[in-house]
Amino acid sequence: MAALDIDRRSLTDLVNRAEDLDRVLCRRYQTEALAQEFHERFLVARHALRTREWS
């Protein structure tokens, strides 16, 4: 989870890698709280990236 909190130079790279992990976690561990938390944080990061790209 800490990886999503770190201020990185490449949010794009982080979100792309997180998307792959999110897909696997959602499929395999859909009822696990940590997988759900990761998914929520991934969505926030993806939204931040898209918002930043449109600015």
C-alpha atoms as a PDB file:
ATOM      1  CA  MET A   1       0.000   0.000   0.000  1.00  0.00           C
ATOM      2  CA  ALA A   2       2.852   2.373   0.708  1.00  0.00           C
ATOM      3  CA  ALA A   3       3.800   2.505  -2.970  1.00  0.00           C
ATOM      4  CA  LEU A   4       0.642   4.451  -3.742  1.00  0.00           C
ATOM      5  CA  ASP A   5       1.514   7.036  -1.090  1.00  0.00           C
ATOM      6  CA  ILE A   6       5.008   7.827  -2.367  1.00  0.00           C
ATOM      7  CA  ASP A   7       5.402  10.971  -4.435  1.00  0.00           C
ATOM      8  CA  ARG A   8       6.873   9.648  -7.670  1.00  0.00           C
ATOM      9  CA  ARG A   9       8.246  11.249 -10.779  1.00  0.00           C
ATOM     10  CA  SER A  10       6.181   8.995 -12.985  1.00  0.00           C
ATOM     11  CA  LEU A  11       2.624   8.669 -11.791  1.00  0.00           C
ATOM     12  CA  THR A  12       1.833   7.162 -15.187  1.00  0.00           C
ATOM     13  CA  ASP A  13       4.232   4.259 -14.617  1.00  0.00           C
ATOM     14  CA  LEU A  14       2.943   3.686 -11.100  1.00  0.00           C
ATOM     15  CA  VAL A  15      -0.697   3.654 -12.207  1.00  0.00           C
ATOM     16  CA  ASN A  16       0.043   1.295 -15.097  1.00  0.00           C
ATOM     17  CA  ARG A  17       1.773  -1.177 -12.796  1.00  0.00           C
ATOM     18  CA  ALA A  18      -0.901  -0.788 -10.133  1.00  0.00           C
ATOM     19  CA  GLU A  19      -3.593  -1.502 -12.718  1.00  0.00           C
ATOM     20  CA  ASP A  20      -2.062  -4.893 -13.483  1.00  0.00           C
ATOM     21  CA  LEU A  21      -1.847  -5.743  -9.795  1.00  0.00           C
ATOM     22  CA  ASP A  22      -5.358  -4.450  -9.131  1.00  0.00           C
ATOM     23  CA  ARG A  23      -6.776  -6.693 -11.830  1.00  0.00           C
ATOM     24  CA  VAL A  24      -5.169  -9.783 -10.264  1.00  0.00           C
ATOM     25  CA  LEU A  25      -6.120  -8.843  -6.705  1.00  0.00           C
ATOM     26  CA  CYS A  26      -9.739  -8.165  -7.654  1.00  0.00           C
ATOM     27  CA  ARG A  27     -10.004 -11.481  -9.456  1.00  0.00           C
ATOM     28  CA  ARG A  28      -8.304 -13.678  -6.872  1.00  0.00           C
ATOM     29  CA  TYR A  29      -9.086 -11.924  -3.600  1.00  0.00           C
ATOM     30  CA  GLN A  30     -12.309 -10.068  -4.251  1.00  0.00           C
ATOM     31  CA  THR A  31     -13.634 -10.550  -0.713  1.00  0.00           C
ATOM     32  CA  GLU A  32     -10.404  -9.557   1.071  1.00  0.00           C
ATOM     33  CA  ALA A  33     -10.379  -6.149   2.747  1.00  0.00           C
ATOM     34  CA  LEU A  34      -6.797  -5.364   1.697  1.00  0.00           C
ATOM     35  CA  ALA A  35      -7.576  -6.122  -1.943  1.00  0.00           C
ATOM     36  CA  GLN A  36     -10.600  -3.842  -1.756  1.00  0.00           C
ATOM     37  CA  GLU A  37      -8.524  -1.106  -0.110  1.00  0.00           C
ATOM     38  CA  PHE A  38      -5.874  -1.399  -2.820  1.00  0.00           C
ATOM     39  CA  HIS A  39      -8.593  -1.139  -5.477  1.00  0.00           C
ATOM     40  CA  GLU A  40      -9.993   2.035  -3.903  1.00  0.00           C
ATOM     41  CA  ARG A  41      -6.543   3.615  -3.695  1.00  0.00           C
ATOM     42  CA  PHE A  42      -5.787   2.568  -7.263  1.00  0.00           C
ATOM     43  CA  LEU A  43      -8.953   4.305  -8.466  1.00  0.00           C
ATOM     44  CA  VAL A  44      -7.915   7.495  -6.648  1.00  0.00           C
ATOM     45  CA  ALA A  45      -4.440   7.364  -8.211  1.00  0.00           C
ATOM     46  CA  ARG A  46      -5.870   6.727 -11.687  1.00  0.00           C
ATOM     47  CA  HIS A  47      -8.272   9.625 -11.278  1.00  0.00           C
ATOM     48  CA  ALA A  48      -5.405  11.880 -10.148  1.00  0.00           C
ATOM     49  CA  LEU A  49      -3.424  10.906 -13.232  1.00  0.00           C
ATOM     50  CA  ARG A  50      -6.305  11.587 -15.595  1.00  0.00           C
ATOM     51  CA  THR A  51      -7.062  14.905 -13.897  1.00  0.00           C
ATOM     52  CA  ARG A  52      -3.411  15.940 -14.120  1.00  0.00           C
ATOM     53  CA  GLU A  53      -3.215  14.969 -17.802  1.00  0.00           C
ATOM     54  CA  TRP A  54      -6.197  17.176 -18.630  1.00  0.00           C
ATOM     55  CA  SER A  55      -4.786  20.202 -16.800  1.00  0.00           C
END
